[in-house]
């Protein structure tokens, strides 16, 4: 088949979780055209190389706010930009479809990637978009908004489990969307659990949009020196590769996918942002974690609260984090206890595609 695979460019999580699906499609001799933008597109190019055709089409920006008042003010203008970007993306997609025949479209969280003429599939863990006030009527309105768009797709695929889940109310306990009409397939991650010696006491992963990434780096690097044991820090800086060592602390400016997988498998405890793709990575590897949500990213803040209440992972705010004491609490949490088989997830996705073609 000739397949268009659209990938949302909000952070790198959508790109990394798309990789195992795209690789499977390629291995089964399907021809894949990837549409994305920014750093996500660059990561996909680097990982997939010449096996895939790439097209750069910008999607809509992420709505970030430092507080609820700012969120309200930005929301007024954001949705105008959001709809305009969808219209622009659809127009560019239609030009591509006019020039060449494609058999289906798979969209990872891009509302501008669908067609009425060929089967289109939507992958997302956000059936409900949260708001900072946790006002139910707003959340139900956003669920209705999703339902409006989902009607354009052959079906919707959720990278989570129906029971004992990771995403909480983002994809469960829905009021407007019938949960029996969507497909919960299990988690997606580009990492594999490996049997390795757990000789890293703390793996601290610093990432996210600026300026919050740099603010977190400044705060955690000073606190990391107080930790006992083997400590590894990755800074998420791709501009220049460097490794520095100071006593028990090793700092990488950035790490390759292969090295990150090794570090995750060796780590007894991970300290990172609470993005959903990161949660899936940690769940697949089976390690415990201390999460620090990016301020203003409502989804991360919700996931942190959810797993605090569930007792799976421990989360603290960027303003209040105290590594030396917080890691002790994080070690007492259960972690995500169920086994996560990404290969089974991918097989389920392929079956869904075939059944709805």
Foldseek 3Di string as FASTA:
>chain_A
DEEEEEFEVADQLRLQLCVVLVVVCVVVVYAYEYEYADPNQVVNCVVCPPSHHYDYQYAADDQFDQDQVRSVVVVVVRVVRRVVSLVVLLVVVVVVCVVDPGAEYEYEPGLNTADQVHAYEYEYQACWDAHPVRDVVNRLVRNVVSVVSQVRHLAYEYAWDQPLTQQPPRRDPHDPDDNVRHHHQYHGGNAAADDDAQQAAEEEEQDDDPPQSVLLVVVVVVLVVVDDGAYEYESCAPPDWDWDDDVRYIYTPHDDPVVVNVNLLNYQEYEEAQDPSVLRSCLQNVHWYEHEHRRRPVSSVVSQVVCCVVQQAHYDYSVDDRPVPRVVSRSPGNHSPDHGDNVSSSVVVVVVVVVSD
